[in-house]
Amino acid sequence: MKILKIFLIFLMVIPLYAQQNEKLENLIEVFENYKEDSDLKLSNLDNSSFNNILKLTYEAIEASPSEFLPLIAEDKSFGAALGGLLRTIPIKYSYFLENIILIPIFVKAKIISRKEVNKGKFRQLNLMLEPEKILKGKESFLYEKQFEVFFREYEHVPDSLDFKIGKTYLFPLWDRNEEKNQMFDSNMDR
């Protein structure tokens, strides 16, 4: 019976992974047309065509954020096309929309616990969250009963007094696939 469950889970994951890759591949294909003179080409698009590219970008970042960032680093022309898109969004719409598209996860969550860790010149705030509503994001950890996130000083950490245990907030999140940083591990004594 256990083998059957594992096999069924495996079968369910394959279409999801294929769909994630498909969204990113669709965006790569569209960006082929904007590798050169992206700012000019994108700013001259009609609203319908431009909105279609925005939708593709939004979906690709949401579906596979861990594959999106390395692609920008590896493929300079893809990065140039994305840069042109990001420079054009505030001209056509707003900086706010640029952030909605770029941030891969928006989750409404209640704070279960909070711990502030200070190490040297850096400050980290660890929050245990209980998700209430996933507004954007396909990452598996979002569907757990609780998960931990952190903010660091150089990532514009709000004053820890603003985060109250038991209160609900909207969190924009980036999953950096970062292993626990021992410098900030709250269980360590240094």
N, C-alpha and C. Protein backbone atom coordinates (compact mmCIF):
# COMPACT_ATOMS: atom_id res chain seq x y z
N MET A 1 0.82 -1.19 0.00
CA MET A 1 0.00 0.00 0.00
C MET A 1 0.86 1.25 0.00
N LYS A 2 1.97 1.23 0.74
CA LYS A 2 2.87 2.37 0.82
C LYS A 2 3.47 2.68 -0.56
N ILE A 3 3.83 1.66 -1.29
CA ILE A 3 4.40 1.84 -2.63
C ILE A 3 3.38 2.51 -3.54
N LEU A 4 2.12 2.14 -3.42
CA LEU A 4 1.06 2.71 -4.23
C LEU A 4 0.90 4.20 -3.92
N LYS A 5 0.94 4.56 -2.63
CA LYS A 5 0.82 5.97 -2.24
C LYS A 5 1.98 6.77 -2.81
N ILE A 6 3.18 6.26 -2.67
CA ILE A 6 4.36 6.97 -3.19
C ILE A 6 4.25 7.13 -4.69
N PHE A 7 3.80 6.08 -5.39
CA PHE A 7 3.65 6.14 -6.84
C PHE A 7 2.61 7.19 -7.23
N LEU A 8 1.48 7.24 -6.49
CA LEU A 8 0.44 8.22 -6.79
C LEU A 8 0.94 9.64 -6.56
N ILE A 9 1.67 9.86 -5.49
CA ILE A 9 2.25 11.18 -5.24
C ILE A 9 3.21 11.54 -6.36
N PHE A 10 4.03 10.59 -6.78
CA PHE A 10 4.98 10.81 -7.87
C PHE A 10 4.24 11.22 -9.14
N LEU A 11 3.13 10.54 -9.45
CA LEU A 11 2.34 10.85 -10.64
C LEU A 11 1.71 12.24 -10.55
N MET A 12 1.34 12.67 -9.35
CA MET A 12 0.75 14.00 -9.19
C MET A 12 1.81 15.08 -9.32
N VAL A 13 3.04 14.81 -8.92
CA VAL A 13 4.11 15.80 -8.97
C VAL A 13 4.60 16.04 -10.39
N ILE A 14 4.62 15.01 -11.23
CA ILE A 14 5.12 15.14 -12.60
C ILE A 14 4.35 16.22 -13.38
N PRO A 15 3.01 16.21 -13.41
CA PRO A 15 2.31 17.26 -14.16
C PRO A 15 2.57 18.66 -13.59
N LEU A 16 2.65 18.79 -12.26
CA LEU A 16 2.91 20.08 -11.66
C LEU A 16 4.28 20.60 -12.08
N TYR A 17 5.31 19.75 -12.03
CA TYR A 17 6.65 20.14 -12.42
C TYR A 17 6.69 20.50 -13.91
N ALA A 18 5.99 19.72 -14.72
CA ALA A 18 5.95 20.00 -16.16
C ALA A 18 5.27 21.33 -16.43
N GLN A 19 4.20 21.63 -15.67
CA GLN A 19 3.51 22.90 -15.85
C GLN A 19 4.41 24.06 -15.44
N GLN A 20 5.16 23.91 -14.36
CA GLN A 20 6.08 24.96 -13.92
C GLN A 20 7.13 25.22 -15.00
N ASN A 21 7.73 24.17 -15.53
CA ASN A 21 8.73 24.34 -16.57
C ASN A 21 8.12 24.94 -17.83
N GLU A 22 6.90 24.56 -18.14
CA GLU A 22 6.22 25.08 -19.33
C GLU A 22 6.03 26.59 -19.24
N LYS A 23 5.66 27.08 -18.08
CA LYS A 23 5.46 28.52 -17.89
C LYS A 23 6.78 29.27 -18.09
N LEU A 24 7.85 28.74 -17.54
CA LEU A 24 9.15 29.38 -17.71
C LEU A 24 9.62 29.29 -19.17
N GLU A 25 9.41 28.16 -19.79
CA GLU A 25 9.79 28.00 -21.21
C GLU A 25 8.99 28.95 -22.10
N ASN A 26 7.70 29.15 -21.80
CA ASN A 26 6.90 30.11 -22.56
C ASN A 26 7.47 31.51 -22.45
N LEU A 27 7.88 31.89 -21.25
CA LEU A 27 8.44 33.22 -21.05
C LEU A 27 9.77 33.35 -21.78
N ILE A 28 10.62 32.33 -21.71
CA ILE A 28 11.91 32.36 -22.41
C ILE A 28 11.68 32.56 -23.91
N GLU A 29 10.70 31.85 -24.44
CA GLU A 29 10.38 31.96 -25.87
C GLU A 29 9.94 33.38 -26.23
N VAL A 30 9.09 33.98 -25.40
CA VAL A 30 8.62 35.34 -25.66
C VAL A 30 9.78 36.33 -25.55
N PHE A 31 10.63 36.15 -24.55
CA PHE A 31 11.75 37.07 -24.34
C PHE A 31 12.79 37.01 -25.47
N GLU A 32 12.77 35.96 -26.28
CA GLU A 32 13.67 35.88 -27.44
C GLU A 32 13.53 37.11 -28.32
N ASN A 33 12.32 37.65 -28.42
CA ASN A 33 12.06 38.81 -29.27
C ASN A 33 12.53 40.12 -28.65
N TYR A 34 12.94 40.09 -27.37
CA TYR A 34 13.27 41.33 -26.66
C TYR A 34 14.68 41.32 -26.09
N LYS A 35 15.55 40.50 -26.65
CA LYS A 35 16.92 40.42 -26.16
C LYS A 35 17.71 41.68 -26.47
N GLU A 36 17.37 42.32 -27.58
CA GLU A 36 18.04 43.56 -27.96
C GLU A 36 17.01 44.68 -27.99
N ASP A 37 17.41 45.85 -27.57
CA ASP A 37 16.53 47.03 -27.55
C ASP A 37 15.22 46.74 -26.82
N SER A 38 15.32 46.01 -25.72
CA SER A 38 14.11 45.58 -25.00
C SER A 38 13.29 46.77 -24.51
N ASP A 39 13.94 47.81 -24.00
CA ASP A 39 13.19 48.95 -23.47
C ASP A 39 12.32 49.57 -24.56
N LEU A 40 12.91 49.82 -25.71
CA LEU A 40 12.19 50.44 -26.81
C LEU A 40 11.08 49.53 -27.33
N LYS A 41 11.39 48.28 -27.57
CA LYS A 41 10.40 47.34 -28.10
C LYS A 41 9.23 47.16 -27.13
N LEU A 42 9.53 47.01 -25.83
CA LEU A 42 8.47 46.78 -24.84
C LEU A 42 7.62 48.02 -24.63
N SER A 43 8.25 49.19 -24.61
CA SER A 43 7.47 50.42 -24.39
C SER A 43 6.57 50.73 -25.58
N ASN A 44 6.89 50.22 -26.76
CA ASN A 44 6.07 50.46 -27.95
C ASN A 44 4.96 49.42 -28.14
N LEU A 45 4.89 48.41 -27.28
CA LEU A 45 3.84 47.39 -27.40
C LEU A 45 2.48 47.98 -27.04
N ASP A 46 1.43 47.47 -27.67
CA ASP A 46 0.09 47.85 -27.26
C ASP A 46 -0.19 47.22 -25.90
N ASN A 47 -1.20 47.73 -25.21
CA ASN A 47 -1.49 47.28 -23.84
C ASN A 47 -1.77 45.78 -23.76
N SER A 48 -2.48 45.25 -24.72
CA SER A 48 -2.82 43.83 -24.70
C SER A 48 -1.57 42.94 -24.77
N SER A 49 -0.67 43.26 -25.68
CA SER A 49 0.57 42.48 -25.82
C SER A 49 1.46 42.63 -24.60
N PHE A 50 1.55 43.86 -24.09
CA PHE A 50 2.38 44.11 -22.90
C PHE A 50 1.81 43.36 -21.70
N ASN A 51 0.48 43.41 -21.53
CA ASN A 51 -0.16 42.72 -20.41
C ASN A 51 0.02 41.22 -20.50
N ASN A 52 0.06 40.68 -21.71
CA ASN A 52 0.30 39.25 -21.89
C ASN A 52 1.70 38.88 -21.39
N ILE A 53 2.68 39.70 -21.69
CA ILE A 53 4.05 39.44 -21.21
C ILE A 53 4.11 39.56 -19.69
N LEU A 54 3.40 40.54 -19.13
CA LEU A 54 3.34 40.68 -17.67
C LEU A 54 2.75 39.42 -17.03
N LYS A 55 1.68 38.92 -17.61
CA LYS A 55 1.02 37.71 -17.09
C LYS A 55 1.97 36.51 -17.16
N LEU A 56 2.66 36.35 -18.28
CA LEU A 56 3.61 35.24 -18.43
C LEU A 56 4.74 35.35 -17.39
N THR A 57 5.22 36.56 -17.18
CA THR A 57 6.31 36.77 -16.20
C THR A 57 5.82 36.46 -14.79
N TYR A 58 4.65 36.97 -14.44
CA TYR A 58 4.04 36.71 -13.13
C TYR A 58 3.92 35.21 -12.89
N GLU A 59 3.37 34.50 -13.86
CA GLU A 59 3.14 33.06 -13.71
C GLU A 59 4.45 32.28 -13.64
N ALA A 60 5.45 32.68 -14.42
CA ALA A 60 6.74 31.98 -14.40
C ALA A 60 7.45 32.16 -13.07
N ILE A 61 7.40 33.38 -12.53
CA ILE A 61 8.06 33.63 -11.24
C ILE A 61 7.32 32.89 -10.12
N GLU A 62 6.00 32.90 -10.17
CA GLU A 62 5.21 32.20 -9.14
C GLU A 62 5.42 30.69 -9.22
N ALA A 63 5.45 30.15 -10.42
CA ALA A 63 5.53 28.69 -10.60
C ALA A 63 6.91 28.13 -10.29
N SER A 64 7.95 28.85 -10.62
CA SER A 64 9.30 28.30 -10.41
C SER A 64 10.32 29.38 -10.07
N PRO A 65 10.15 30.03 -8.89
CA PRO A 65 11.09 31.09 -8.51
C PRO A 65 12.52 30.58 -8.34
N SER A 66 12.68 29.33 -7.89
CA SER A 66 14.03 28.82 -7.68
C SER A 66 14.76 28.58 -8.99
N GLU A 67 14.05 28.44 -10.10
CA GLU A 67 14.67 28.29 -11.42
C GLU A 67 14.83 29.63 -12.13
N PHE A 68 14.04 30.60 -11.72
CA PHE A 68 14.02 31.89 -12.39
C PHE A 68 15.30 32.69 -12.15
N LEU A 69 15.70 32.82 -10.90
CA LEU A 69 16.89 33.63 -10.58
C LEU A 69 18.18 33.09 -11.20
N PRO A 70 18.44 31.77 -11.14
CA PRO A 70 19.65 31.26 -11.79
C PRO A 70 19.65 31.50 -13.30
N LEU A 71 18.46 31.46 -13.90
CA LEU A 71 18.36 31.68 -15.34
C LEU A 71 18.83 33.09 -15.71
N ILE A 72 18.48 34.06 -14.89
CA ILE A 72 18.91 35.44 -15.14
C ILE A 72 20.43 35.54 -15.07
N ALA A 73 21.03 34.85 -14.09
CA ALA A 73 22.48 34.88 -13.94
C ALA A 73 23.18 34.17 -15.09
N GLU A 74 22.60 33.08 -15.57
CA GLU A 74 23.22 32.28 -16.63
C GLU A 74 23.06 32.89 -18.02
N ASP A 75 21.88 33.43 -18.31
CA ASP A 75 21.56 33.91 -19.64
C ASP A 75 21.44 35.43 -19.62
N LYS A 76 22.51 36.11 -19.99
CA LYS A 76 22.55 37.58 -19.94
C LYS A 76 21.47 38.21 -20.82
N SER A 77 21.16 37.60 -21.96
CA SER A 77 20.15 38.18 -22.84
C SER A 77 18.75 38.05 -22.23
N PHE A 78 18.50 36.95 -21.50
CA PHE A 78 17.22 36.80 -20.79
C PHE A 78 17.14 37.88 -19.71
N GLY A 79 18.24 38.07 -18.98
CA GLY A 79 18.29 39.12 -17.95
C GLY A 79 18.08 40.50 -18.54
N ALA A 80 18.62 40.74 -19.73
CA ALA A 80 18.44 42.04 -20.39
C ALA A 80 16.97 42.26 -20.76
N ALA A 81 16.34 41.22 -21.28
CA ALA A 81 14.92 41.32 -21.64
C ALA A 81 14.06 41.56 -20.40
N LEU A 82 14.36 40.84 -19.32
CA LEU A 82 13.63 41.03 -18.07
C LEU A 82 13.86 42.44 -17.53
N GLY A 83 15.10 42.90 -17.60
CA GLY A 83 15.42 44.27 -17.16
C GLY A 83 14.63 45.30 -17.95
N GLY A 84 14.51 45.09 -19.26
CA GLY A 84 13.71 46.00 -20.08
C GLY A 84 12.26 46.01 -19.65
N LEU A 85 11.74 44.82 -19.33
CA LEU A 85 10.35 44.72 -18.86
C LEU A 85 10.19 45.48 -17.54
N LEU A 86 11.12 45.26 -16.62
CA LEU A 86 11.01 45.91 -15.31
C LEU A 86 11.14 47.43 -15.40
N ARG A 87 11.94 47.92 -16.34
CA ARG A 87 12.06 49.37 -16.53
C ARG A 87 10.82 49.96 -17.20
N THR A 88 10.11 49.14 -17.96
CA THR A 88 8.92 49.62 -18.67
C THR A 88 7.67 49.58 -17.80
N ILE A 89 7.58 48.67 -16.86
CA ILE A 89 6.39 48.56 -16.00
C ILE A 89 6.06 49.89 -15.31
N PRO A 90 7.03 50.55 -14.64
CA PRO A 90 6.67 51.81 -13.96
C PRO A 90 6.26 52.92 -14.93
N ILE A 91 6.75 52.85 -16.15
CA ILE A 91 6.38 53.87 -17.14
C ILE A 91 4.93 53.65 -17.58
N LYS A 92 4.56 52.40 -17.81
CA LYS A 92 3.20 52.10 -18.28
C LYS A 92 2.20 52.02 -17.11
N TYR A 93 2.66 51.52 -15.95
CA TYR A 93 1.75 51.31 -14.82
C TYR A 93 2.32 51.92 -13.55
N SER A 94 3.01 51.11 -12.73
CA SER A 94 3.55 51.64 -11.47
C SER A 94 4.65 50.73 -10.93
N TYR A 95 5.42 51.29 -9.99
CA TYR A 95 6.44 50.47 -9.31
C TYR A 95 5.77 49.39 -8.48
N PHE A 96 4.58 49.67 -7.98
CA PHE A 96 3.84 48.71 -7.18
C PHE A 96 3.58 47.43 -7.98
N LEU A 97 3.16 47.57 -9.22
CA LEU A 97 2.90 46.41 -10.07
C LEU A 97 4.19 45.63 -10.33
N GLU A 98 5.29 46.34 -10.48
CA GLU A 98 6.59 45.69 -10.68
C GLU A 98 6.88 44.73 -9.52
N ASN A 99 6.62 45.19 -8.29
CA ASN A 99 6.88 44.35 -7.12
C ASN A 99 5.90 43.18 -7.03
N ILE A 100 4.66 43.39 -7.41
CA ILE A 100 3.68 42.29 -7.38
C ILE A 100 4.13 41.18 -8.33
N ILE A 101 4.67 41.56 -9.46
CA ILE A 101 5.12 40.56 -10.43
C ILE A 101 6.40 39.88 -9.97
N LEU A 102 7.34 40.64 -9.43
CA LEU A 102 8.65 40.09 -9.05
C LEU A 102 8.64 39.24 -7.79
N ILE A 103 7.82 39.57 -6.82
CA ILE A 103 7.81 38.84 -5.55
C ILE A 103 7.07 37.52 -5.77
N PRO A 104 7.73 36.38 -5.53
CA PRO A 104 7.11 35.10 -5.85
C PRO A 104 6.05 34.62 -4.88
N ILE A 105 6.04 35.17 -3.65
CA ILE A 105 5.10 34.67 -2.64
C ILE A 105 4.47 35.83 -1.88
N PHE A 106 3.14 35.82 -1.83
CA PHE A 106 2.38 36.69 -0.94
C PHE A 106 1.49 35.78 -0.12
N VAL A 107 1.62 35.86 1.19
CA VAL A 107 0.80 35.02 2.05
C VAL A 107 0.28 35.85 3.22
N LYS A 108 -1.00 35.68 3.49
CA LYS A 108 -1.62 36.27 4.67
C LYS A 108 -1.46 35.24 5.77
N ALA A 109 -0.78 35.62 6.86
CA ALA A 109 -0.47 34.63 7.90
C ALA A 109 -0.49 35.26 9.29
N LYS A 110 -0.79 34.40 10.26
CA LYS A 110 -0.78 34.81 11.66
C LYS A 110 0.56 34.47 12.26
N ILE A 111 1.09 35.37 13.08
CA ILE A 111 2.36 35.13 13.76
C ILE A 111 2.12 34.26 14.99
N ILE A 112 2.80 33.12 15.01
CA ILE A 112 2.69 32.17 16.12
C ILE A 112 3.77 32.45 17.16
N SER A 113 4.99 32.74 16.69
CA SER A 113 6.07 33.09 17.60
C SER A 113 7.04 34.03 16.89
N ARG A 114 7.82 34.72 17.70
CA ARG A 114 8.77 35.71 17.18
C ARG A 114 10.03 35.67 18.03
N LYS A 115 11.17 35.70 17.36
CA LYS A 115 12.44 35.73 18.09
C LYS A 115 13.40 36.64 17.34
N GLU A 116 13.97 37.58 18.06
CA GLU A 116 14.95 38.48 17.45
C GLU A 116 16.35 38.00 17.81
N VAL A 117 17.21 37.91 16.80
CA VAL A 117 18.57 37.42 16.99
C VAL A 117 19.51 38.52 16.51
N ASN A 118 20.43 38.92 17.38
CA ASN A 118 21.42 39.93 17.01
C ASN A 118 22.80 39.30 17.05
N LYS A 119 23.52 39.40 15.96
CA LYS A 119 24.89 38.88 15.88
C LYS A 119 25.76 39.95 15.24
N GLY A 120 26.61 40.55 16.04
CA GLY A 120 27.48 41.58 15.50
C GLY A 120 26.66 42.77 15.02
N LYS A 121 26.90 43.17 13.79
CA LYS A 121 26.20 44.31 13.22
C LYS A 121 24.87 43.91 12.57
N PHE A 122 24.57 42.63 12.52
CA PHE A 122 23.37 42.16 11.82
C PHE A 122 22.27 41.80 12.79
N ARG A 123 21.07 41.98 12.33
CA ARG A 123 19.88 41.67 13.12
C ARG A 123 18.99 40.78 12.27
N GLN A 124 18.46 39.74 12.88
CA GLN A 124 17.54 38.85 12.18
C GLN A 124 16.31 38.66 13.04
N LEU A 125 15.17 38.65 12.38
CA LEU A 125 13.92 38.40 13.05
C LEU A 125 13.34 37.10 12.51
N ASN A 126 13.20 36.08 13.39
CA ASN A 126 12.63 34.79 13.01
C ASN A 126 11.17 34.78 13.41
N LEU A 127 10.30 34.47 12.45
CA LEU A 127 8.86 34.42 12.71
C LEU A 127 8.33 33.04 12.34
N MET A 128 7.56 32.45 13.24
CA MET A 128 6.83 31.22 12.94
C MET A 128 5.43 31.67 12.52
N LEU A 129 5.03 31.27 11.31
CA LEU A 129 3.76 31.72 10.74
C LEU A 129 2.80 30.57 10.55
N GLU A 130 1.52 30.89 10.67
CA GLU A 130 0.45 29.96 10.35
C GLU A 130 -0.32 30.59 9.18
N PRO A 131 -0.21 29.99 7.98
CA PRO A 131 -0.84 30.62 6.82
C PRO A 131 -2.37 30.60 6.91
N GLU A 132 -2.97 31.73 6.52
CA GLU A 132 -4.42 31.82 6.46
C GLU A 132 -4.91 31.86 5.02
N LYS A 133 -4.15 32.54 4.15
CA LYS A 133 -4.54 32.62 2.74
C LYS A 133 -3.28 32.83 1.89
N ILE A 134 -3.13 32.01 0.87
CA ILE A 134 -2.02 32.14 -0.06
C ILE A 134 -2.51 32.96 -1.25
N LEU A 135 -1.99 34.15 -1.39
CA LEU A 135 -2.40 35.04 -2.48
C LEU A 135 -1.58 34.80 -3.73
N LYS A 136 -0.32 34.44 -3.54
CA LYS A 136 0.56 34.12 -4.67
C LYS A 136 1.62 33.17 -4.15
N GLY A 137 1.92 32.15 -4.91
CA GLY A 137 2.98 31.23 -4.52
C GLY A 137 2.57 29.79 -4.69
N LYS A 138 3.51 28.99 -5.16
CA LYS A 138 3.26 27.57 -5.39
C LYS A 138 4.21 26.69 -4.56
N GLU A 139 5.01 27.30 -3.72
CA GLU A 139 5.99 26.55 -2.93
C GLU A 139 5.29 25.62 -1.94
N SER A 140 5.80 24.43 -1.79
CA SER A 140 5.16 23.41 -0.95
C SER A 140 5.09 23.80 0.52
N PHE A 141 6.06 24.55 1.02
CA PHE A 141 6.06 24.90 2.45
C PHE A 141 4.85 25.77 2.81
N LEU A 142 4.26 26.46 1.83
CA LEU A 142 3.10 27.31 2.10
C LEU A 142 1.88 26.52 2.55
N TYR A 143 1.86 25.23 2.24
CA TYR A 143 0.71 24.39 2.56
C TYR A 143 0.89 23.61 3.86
N GLU A 144 1.98 23.90 4.55
CA GLU A 144 2.18 23.28 5.87
C GLU A 144 1.37 24.04 6.90
N LYS A 145 1.12 23.40 8.03
CA LYS A 145 0.33 24.05 9.09
C LYS A 145 1.05 25.30 9.61
N GLN A 146 2.36 25.21 9.75
CA GLN A 146 3.19 26.34 10.18
C GLN A 146 4.51 26.27 9.45
N PHE A 147 5.13 27.42 9.26
CA PHE A 147 6.47 27.47 8.70
C PHE A 147 7.19 28.71 9.24
N GLU A 148 8.51 28.66 9.19
CA GLU A 148 9.32 29.74 9.73
C GLU A 148 9.90 30.58 8.59
N VAL A 149 9.91 31.88 8.79
CA VAL A 149 10.54 32.81 7.86
C VAL A 149 11.48 33.70 8.65
N PHE A 150 12.37 34.37 7.95
CA PHE A 150 13.25 35.32 8.63
C PHE A 150 13.42 36.56 7.79
N PHE A 151 13.68 37.65 8.47
CA PHE A 151 14.04 38.91 7.84
C PHE A 151 15.36 39.33 8.43
N ARG A 152 16.22 39.90 7.62
CA ARG A 152 17.50 40.39 8.10
C ARG A 152 17.58 41.90 7.96
N GLU A 153 18.45 42.48 8.75
CA GLU A 153 18.60 43.93 8.80
C GLU A 153 18.76 44.54 7.42
N TYR A 154 19.57 43.92 6.58
CA TYR A 154 19.81 44.48 5.26
C TYR A 154 18.68 44.21 4.29
N GLU A 155 17.60 43.58 4.76
CA GLU A 155 16.41 43.35 3.95
C GLU A 155 15.26 44.19 4.47
N HIS A 156 15.56 45.34 5.04
CA HIS A 156 14.56 46.29 5.53
C HIS A 156 13.65 45.65 6.57
N VAL A 157 14.25 45.13 7.62
CA VAL A 157 13.47 44.50 8.69
C VAL A 157 12.66 45.58 9.39
N PRO A 158 11.36 45.43 9.41
CA PRO A 158 10.55 46.38 10.17
C PRO A 158 10.87 46.25 11.66
N ASP A 159 10.57 47.27 12.40
CA ASP A 159 10.77 47.23 13.85
C ASP A 159 10.02 46.03 14.40
N SER A 160 10.72 45.21 15.18
CA SER A 160 10.11 43.97 15.67
C SER A 160 8.87 44.24 16.53
N LEU A 161 8.73 45.46 17.04
CA LEU A 161 7.54 45.78 17.82
C LEU A 161 6.30 45.84 16.93
N ASP A 162 6.49 46.02 15.63
CA ASP A 162 5.37 46.06 14.70
C ASP A 162 4.75 44.69 14.52
N PHE A 163 5.49 43.63 14.76
CA PHE A 163 4.98 42.27 14.59
C PHE A 163 4.51 41.74 15.93
N LYS A 164 3.22 41.57 16.07
CA LYS A 164 2.64 41.10 17.32
C LYS A 164 2.21 39.64 17.17
N ILE A 165 2.55 38.84 18.17
CA ILE A 165 2.14 37.44 18.18
C ILE A 165 0.62 37.38 18.22
N GLY A 166 0.04 36.51 17.38
CA GLY A 166 -1.40 36.35 17.31
C GLY A 166 -2.07 37.25 16.28
N LYS A 167 -1.34 38.22 15.75
CA LYS A 167 -1.89 39.12 14.73
C LYS A 167 -1.61 38.57 13.34
N THR A 168 -2.43 38.98 12.36
CA THR A 168 -2.29 38.54 10.98
C THR A 168 -1.72 39.67 10.13
N TYR A 169 -0.79 39.32 9.25
CA TYR A 169 -0.13 40.29 8.37
C TYR A 169 -0.03 39.71 6.96
N LEU A 170 0.19 40.57 6.01
CA LEU A 170 0.49 40.14 4.64
C LEU A 170 2.00 40.12 4.50
N PHE A 171 2.55 38.96 4.11
CA PHE A 171 3.99 38.80 3.99
C PHE A 171 4.39 38.60 2.53
N PRO A 172 5.23 39.48 1.99
CA PRO A 172 5.86 39.20 0.69
C PRO A 172 7.12 38.40 0.98
N LEU A 173 7.27 37.23 0.36
CA LEU A 173 8.39 36.34 0.68
C LEU A 173 9.16 35.91 -0.56
N TRP A 174 10.43 35.68 -0.36
CA TRP A 174 11.30 35.09 -1.37
C TRP A 174 11.90 33.86 -0.74
N ASP A 175 11.76 32.72 -1.37
CA ASP A 175 12.40 31.50 -0.89
C ASP A 175 13.76 31.44 -1.55
N ARG A 176 14.79 31.63 -0.78
CA ARG A 176 16.15 31.65 -1.33
C ARG A 176 16.81 30.28 -1.28
N ASN A 177 16.07 29.26 -0.90
CA ASN A 177 16.64 27.92 -0.75
C ASN A 177 17.91 27.97 0.09
N GLU A 178 17.91 28.84 1.07
CA GLU A 178 19.09 29.03 1.90
C GLU A 178 19.05 28.07 3.08
N GLU A 179 20.15 27.38 3.25
CA GLU A 179 20.27 26.53 4.43
C GLU A 179 20.32 27.45 5.64
N LYS A 180 20.05 26.90 6.80
CA LYS A 180 20.08 27.71 8.01
C LYS A 180 21.46 28.31 8.20
N ASN A 181 21.51 29.59 8.40
CA ASN A 181 22.76 30.30 8.61
C ASN A 181 23.11 30.17 10.10
N GLN A 182 24.20 29.49 10.42
CA GLN A 182 24.55 29.25 11.81
C GLN A 182 24.79 30.54 12.58
N MET A 183 25.20 31.59 11.88
CA MET A 183 25.41 32.87 12.55
C MET A 183 24.12 33.35 13.20
N PHE A 184 22.97 33.03 12.58
CA PHE A 184 21.69 33.51 13.08
C PHE A 184 20.85 32.41 13.72
N ASP A 185 21.37 31.21 13.83
CA ASP A 185 20.60 30.13 14.43
C ASP A 185 20.30 30.49 15.87
N SER A 186 19.03 30.64 16.18
CA SER A 186 18.64 31.12 17.51
C SER A 186 18.95 30.11 18.62
N ASN A 187 19.27 28.87 18.28
CA ASN A 187 19.59 27.87 19.27
C ASN A 187 21.08 27.85 19.62
N MET A 188 21.86 28.65 18.92
CA MET A 188 23.30 28.62 19.16
C MET A 188 23.69 29.69 20.20
N ASP A 189 24.62 29.37 21.03
CA ASP A 189 25.16 30.33 21.98
C ASP A 189 26.53 30.75 21.52
N ARG A 190 26.69 32.01 21.27
CA ARG A 190 28.00 32.53 20.85
C ARG A 190 28.39 33.69 21.71
